[in-house]
N, C-alpha and C. Protein backbone atom coordinates (compact mmCIF):
# COMPACT_ATOMS: atom_id res chain seq x y z
N UNK A 1 19.53 -66.80 83.74
CA UNK A 1 19.64 -65.45 84.28
C UNK A 1 18.25 -64.95 84.67
N UNK A 2 18.11 -64.47 85.86
CA UNK A 2 16.83 -63.96 86.34
C UNK A 2 16.68 -62.49 85.97
N UNK A 3 15.57 -62.17 85.32
CA UNK A 3 15.30 -60.79 84.96
C UNK A 3 14.50 -60.13 86.08
N UNK A 4 14.62 -58.83 86.17
CA UNK A 4 13.87 -58.12 87.19
C UNK A 4 12.47 -57.75 86.71
N UNK A 5 12.11 -58.21 85.53
CA UNK A 5 10.79 -57.94 84.99
C UNK A 5 10.32 -59.14 84.16
N UNK A 6 9.04 -59.21 83.93
CA UNK A 6 8.46 -60.30 83.17
C UNK A 6 8.88 -60.21 81.71
N UNK A 7 9.05 -61.36 81.08
CA UNK A 7 9.47 -61.38 79.68
C UNK A 7 8.41 -60.80 78.74
N UNK A 8 7.19 -60.63 79.22
CA UNK A 8 6.16 -60.00 78.39
C UNK A 8 6.55 -58.58 77.99
N UNK A 9 7.37 -57.94 78.81
CA UNK A 9 7.80 -56.57 78.52
C UNK A 9 8.92 -56.52 77.48
N UNK A 10 9.57 -57.64 77.22
CA UNK A 10 10.78 -57.66 76.42
C UNK A 10 10.58 -57.09 75.02
N UNK A 11 9.54 -57.51 74.32
CA UNK A 11 9.35 -56.99 72.96
C UNK A 11 9.04 -55.50 72.97
N UNK A 12 8.29 -55.02 73.97
CA UNK A 12 7.99 -53.58 74.06
C UNK A 12 9.26 -52.77 74.26
N UNK A 13 10.08 -53.18 75.20
CA UNK A 13 11.29 -52.41 75.48
C UNK A 13 12.26 -52.47 74.30
N UNK A 14 12.31 -53.59 73.59
CA UNK A 14 13.17 -53.69 72.41
C UNK A 14 12.71 -52.72 71.32
N UNK A 15 11.39 -52.69 71.04
CA UNK A 15 10.87 -51.78 70.02
C UNK A 15 11.09 -50.32 70.41
N UNK A 16 10.82 -50.00 71.67
CA UNK A 16 10.96 -48.62 72.11
C UNK A 16 12.41 -48.14 72.08
N UNK A 17 13.32 -48.99 72.53
CA UNK A 17 14.74 -48.62 72.47
C UNK A 17 15.23 -48.54 71.03
N UNK A 18 14.72 -49.45 70.19
CA UNK A 18 15.09 -49.40 68.77
C UNK A 18 14.69 -48.08 68.13
N UNK A 19 13.46 -47.64 68.40
CA UNK A 19 13.03 -46.37 67.84
C UNK A 19 13.79 -45.20 68.46
N UNK A 20 14.06 -45.27 69.76
CA UNK A 20 14.86 -44.22 70.41
C UNK A 20 16.18 -44.04 69.69
N UNK A 21 16.88 -45.14 69.44
CA UNK A 21 18.18 -45.04 68.79
C UNK A 21 18.04 -44.62 67.34
N UNK A 22 17.04 -45.12 66.64
CA UNK A 22 16.81 -44.72 65.24
C UNK A 22 16.53 -43.22 65.17
N UNK A 23 15.66 -42.74 66.03
CA UNK A 23 15.29 -41.32 66.04
C UNK A 23 16.50 -40.44 66.33
N UNK A 24 17.28 -40.80 67.34
CA UNK A 24 18.41 -39.97 67.73
C UNK A 24 19.51 -39.98 66.68
N UNK A 25 19.74 -41.13 66.06
CA UNK A 25 20.80 -41.22 65.05
C UNK A 25 20.37 -40.59 63.73
N UNK A 26 19.19 -40.92 63.26
CA UNK A 26 18.76 -40.46 61.92
C UNK A 26 18.16 -39.07 61.95
N UNK A 27 17.23 -38.83 62.84
CA UNK A 27 16.50 -37.56 62.83
C UNK A 27 17.28 -36.44 63.51
N UNK A 28 17.88 -36.76 64.66
CA UNK A 28 18.63 -35.73 65.39
C UNK A 28 20.08 -35.62 64.93
N UNK A 29 20.55 -36.62 64.19
CA UNK A 29 21.92 -36.57 63.67
C UNK A 29 23.00 -36.78 64.72
N UNK A 30 22.66 -37.46 65.81
CA UNK A 30 23.65 -37.73 66.85
C UNK A 30 24.62 -38.80 66.37
N UNK A 31 25.86 -38.71 66.79
CA UNK A 31 26.83 -39.76 66.46
C UNK A 31 26.58 -40.95 67.39
N UNK A 32 26.94 -42.16 66.96
CA UNK A 32 26.74 -43.32 67.83
C UNK A 32 27.46 -43.17 69.18
N UNK A 33 28.63 -42.60 69.17
CA UNK A 33 29.39 -42.43 70.41
C UNK A 33 28.70 -41.44 71.35
N UNK A 34 28.22 -40.32 70.78
CA UNK A 34 27.54 -39.31 71.59
C UNK A 34 26.24 -39.88 72.17
N UNK A 35 25.50 -40.60 71.35
CA UNK A 35 24.24 -41.18 71.81
C UNK A 35 24.50 -42.22 72.89
N UNK A 36 25.50 -43.05 72.70
CA UNK A 36 25.82 -44.06 73.70
C UNK A 36 26.15 -43.41 75.04
N UNK A 37 26.96 -42.37 75.02
CA UNK A 37 27.33 -41.69 76.26
C UNK A 37 26.12 -41.04 76.91
N UNK A 38 25.31 -40.38 76.12
CA UNK A 38 24.11 -39.72 76.66
C UNK A 38 23.13 -40.73 77.23
N UNK A 39 22.94 -41.83 76.52
CA UNK A 39 22.03 -42.87 76.98
C UNK A 39 22.51 -43.49 78.29
N UNK A 40 23.77 -43.86 78.34
CA UNK A 40 24.30 -44.53 79.54
C UNK A 40 24.35 -43.61 80.75
N UNK A 41 24.45 -42.31 80.53
CA UNK A 41 24.48 -41.38 81.67
C UNK A 41 23.08 -40.90 82.06
N UNK A 42 22.05 -41.37 81.36
CA UNK A 42 20.68 -40.98 81.69
C UNK A 42 20.08 -41.96 82.71
N UNK A 43 18.84 -41.69 83.08
CA UNK A 43 18.14 -42.57 84.04
C UNK A 43 17.53 -43.79 83.36
N UNK A 44 17.49 -43.80 82.04
CA UNK A 44 16.78 -44.86 81.31
C UNK A 44 17.33 -46.25 81.59
N UNK A 45 18.64 -46.51 81.44
CA UNK A 45 19.13 -47.88 81.67
C UNK A 45 18.86 -48.40 83.08
N UNK A 46 19.01 -47.54 84.07
CA UNK A 46 18.77 -47.95 85.45
C UNK A 46 17.30 -48.29 85.67
N UNK A 47 16.42 -47.49 85.11
CA UNK A 47 14.99 -47.75 85.27
C UNK A 47 14.59 -49.07 84.59
N UNK A 48 15.19 -49.36 83.45
CA UNK A 48 14.92 -50.64 82.77
C UNK A 48 15.48 -51.78 83.60
N UNK A 49 16.68 -51.61 84.11
CA UNK A 49 17.31 -52.65 84.93
C UNK A 49 16.46 -52.96 86.16
N UNK A 50 15.89 -51.95 86.78
CA UNK A 50 15.07 -52.15 87.98
C UNK A 50 13.66 -52.63 87.65
N UNK A 51 13.34 -52.70 86.36
CA UNK A 51 12.03 -53.21 85.96
C UNK A 51 10.89 -52.23 86.10
N UNK A 52 11.18 -50.94 86.02
CA UNK A 52 10.14 -49.93 86.11
C UNK A 52 9.22 -50.05 84.88
N UNK A 53 7.96 -50.45 85.07
CA UNK A 53 7.08 -50.67 83.91
C UNK A 53 6.86 -49.43 83.06
N UNK A 54 6.98 -48.26 83.65
CA UNK A 54 6.84 -47.03 82.89
C UNK A 54 7.92 -46.93 81.82
N UNK A 55 9.12 -47.41 82.12
CA UNK A 55 10.22 -47.36 81.16
C UNK A 55 10.30 -48.62 80.31
N UNK A 56 9.70 -49.71 80.75
CA UNK A 56 9.71 -50.93 79.96
C UNK A 56 8.72 -50.88 78.81
N UNK A 57 7.52 -50.41 79.09
CA UNK A 57 6.52 -50.35 78.01
C UNK A 57 5.58 -49.16 78.12
N UNK A 58 5.73 -48.35 79.12
CA UNK A 58 4.83 -47.21 79.30
C UNK A 58 5.21 -45.97 78.52
N UNK A 59 6.41 -45.94 77.98
CA UNK A 59 6.86 -44.78 77.20
C UNK A 59 7.29 -45.24 75.81
N UNK A 60 6.95 -44.44 74.82
CA UNK A 60 7.39 -44.76 73.46
C UNK A 60 8.87 -44.38 73.32
N UNK A 61 9.45 -44.77 72.21
CA UNK A 61 10.84 -44.39 71.94
C UNK A 61 11.01 -42.89 71.88
N UNK A 62 10.01 -42.21 71.33
CA UNK A 62 10.07 -40.75 71.24
C UNK A 62 10.01 -40.13 72.63
N UNK A 63 9.17 -40.66 73.50
CA UNK A 63 9.11 -40.13 74.87
C UNK A 63 10.42 -40.38 75.60
N UNK A 64 11.05 -41.52 75.35
CA UNK A 64 12.35 -41.78 75.97
C UNK A 64 13.40 -40.78 75.46
N UNK A 65 13.28 -40.39 74.20
CA UNK A 65 14.22 -39.42 73.64
C UNK A 65 14.13 -38.08 74.36
N UNK A 66 12.94 -37.72 74.85
CA UNK A 66 12.79 -36.47 75.60
C UNK A 66 13.57 -36.50 76.90
N UNK A 67 13.85 -37.70 77.45
CA UNK A 67 14.68 -37.79 78.63
C UNK A 67 16.13 -37.47 78.32
N UNK A 68 16.54 -37.74 77.08
CA UNK A 68 17.92 -37.48 76.68
C UNK A 68 18.11 -36.05 76.19
N UNK A 69 17.17 -35.58 75.37
CA UNK A 69 17.32 -34.29 74.71
C UNK A 69 15.99 -33.54 74.80
N UNK A 70 15.95 -32.51 75.61
CA UNK A 70 14.70 -31.78 75.85
C UNK A 70 14.33 -30.83 74.71
N UNK A 71 15.25 -30.52 73.83
CA UNK A 71 15.00 -29.52 72.79
C UNK A 71 14.66 -30.15 71.44
N UNK A 72 13.87 -31.22 71.43
CA UNK A 72 13.59 -31.94 70.19
C UNK A 72 12.17 -31.75 69.68
N UNK A 73 11.42 -30.86 70.27
CA UNK A 73 10.00 -30.74 69.92
C UNK A 73 9.77 -30.47 68.44
N UNK A 74 10.64 -29.72 67.81
CA UNK A 74 10.47 -29.43 66.38
C UNK A 74 10.73 -30.63 65.50
N UNK A 75 11.31 -31.68 66.03
CA UNK A 75 11.65 -32.86 65.25
C UNK A 75 10.59 -33.96 65.31
N UNK A 76 9.55 -33.75 66.09
CA UNK A 76 8.54 -34.79 66.28
C UNK A 76 7.84 -35.12 64.97
N UNK A 77 7.41 -34.11 64.23
CA UNK A 77 6.72 -34.36 62.96
C UNK A 77 7.61 -35.13 62.00
N UNK A 78 8.88 -34.77 61.95
CA UNK A 78 9.82 -35.49 61.10
C UNK A 78 9.93 -36.95 61.52
N UNK A 79 9.95 -37.19 62.81
CA UNK A 79 10.07 -38.56 63.32
C UNK A 79 8.85 -39.39 62.97
N UNK A 80 7.69 -38.78 62.97
CA UNK A 80 6.46 -39.51 62.66
C UNK A 80 6.41 -39.93 61.19
N UNK A 81 7.23 -39.33 60.35
CA UNK A 81 7.29 -39.70 58.93
C UNK A 81 8.24 -40.86 58.69
N UNK A 82 8.97 -41.28 59.72
CA UNK A 82 9.90 -42.41 59.58
C UNK A 82 9.13 -43.66 59.18
N UNK A 83 9.76 -44.54 58.40
CA UNK A 83 9.05 -45.75 57.96
C UNK A 83 8.69 -46.68 59.11
N UNK A 84 9.40 -46.59 60.22
CA UNK A 84 9.09 -47.44 61.36
C UNK A 84 8.89 -46.56 62.58
N UNK A 85 7.66 -46.43 62.99
CA UNK A 85 7.35 -45.70 64.21
C UNK A 85 6.47 -46.58 65.08
N UNK A 86 7.01 -47.05 66.23
CA UNK A 86 6.22 -47.96 67.07
C UNK A 86 5.04 -47.27 67.73
């Protein structure tokens, strides 16, 4: 299968998406179904599919979360206390 981006980006995008989902599920208290719907209806999957380097490794998981939920600024400090923050 041909990827639209170099495999060097793969570990970055995996870590960033992992933290995005961890943050939204644990810190924001989103349900898996709600998060899945919000994620799939956002611009993030399309940008990753097209190989946009800004979305592959240029944004942290927390920055990606701002694309989904703009009202999370008060939760940033809580997120930084998580045991895994990329």
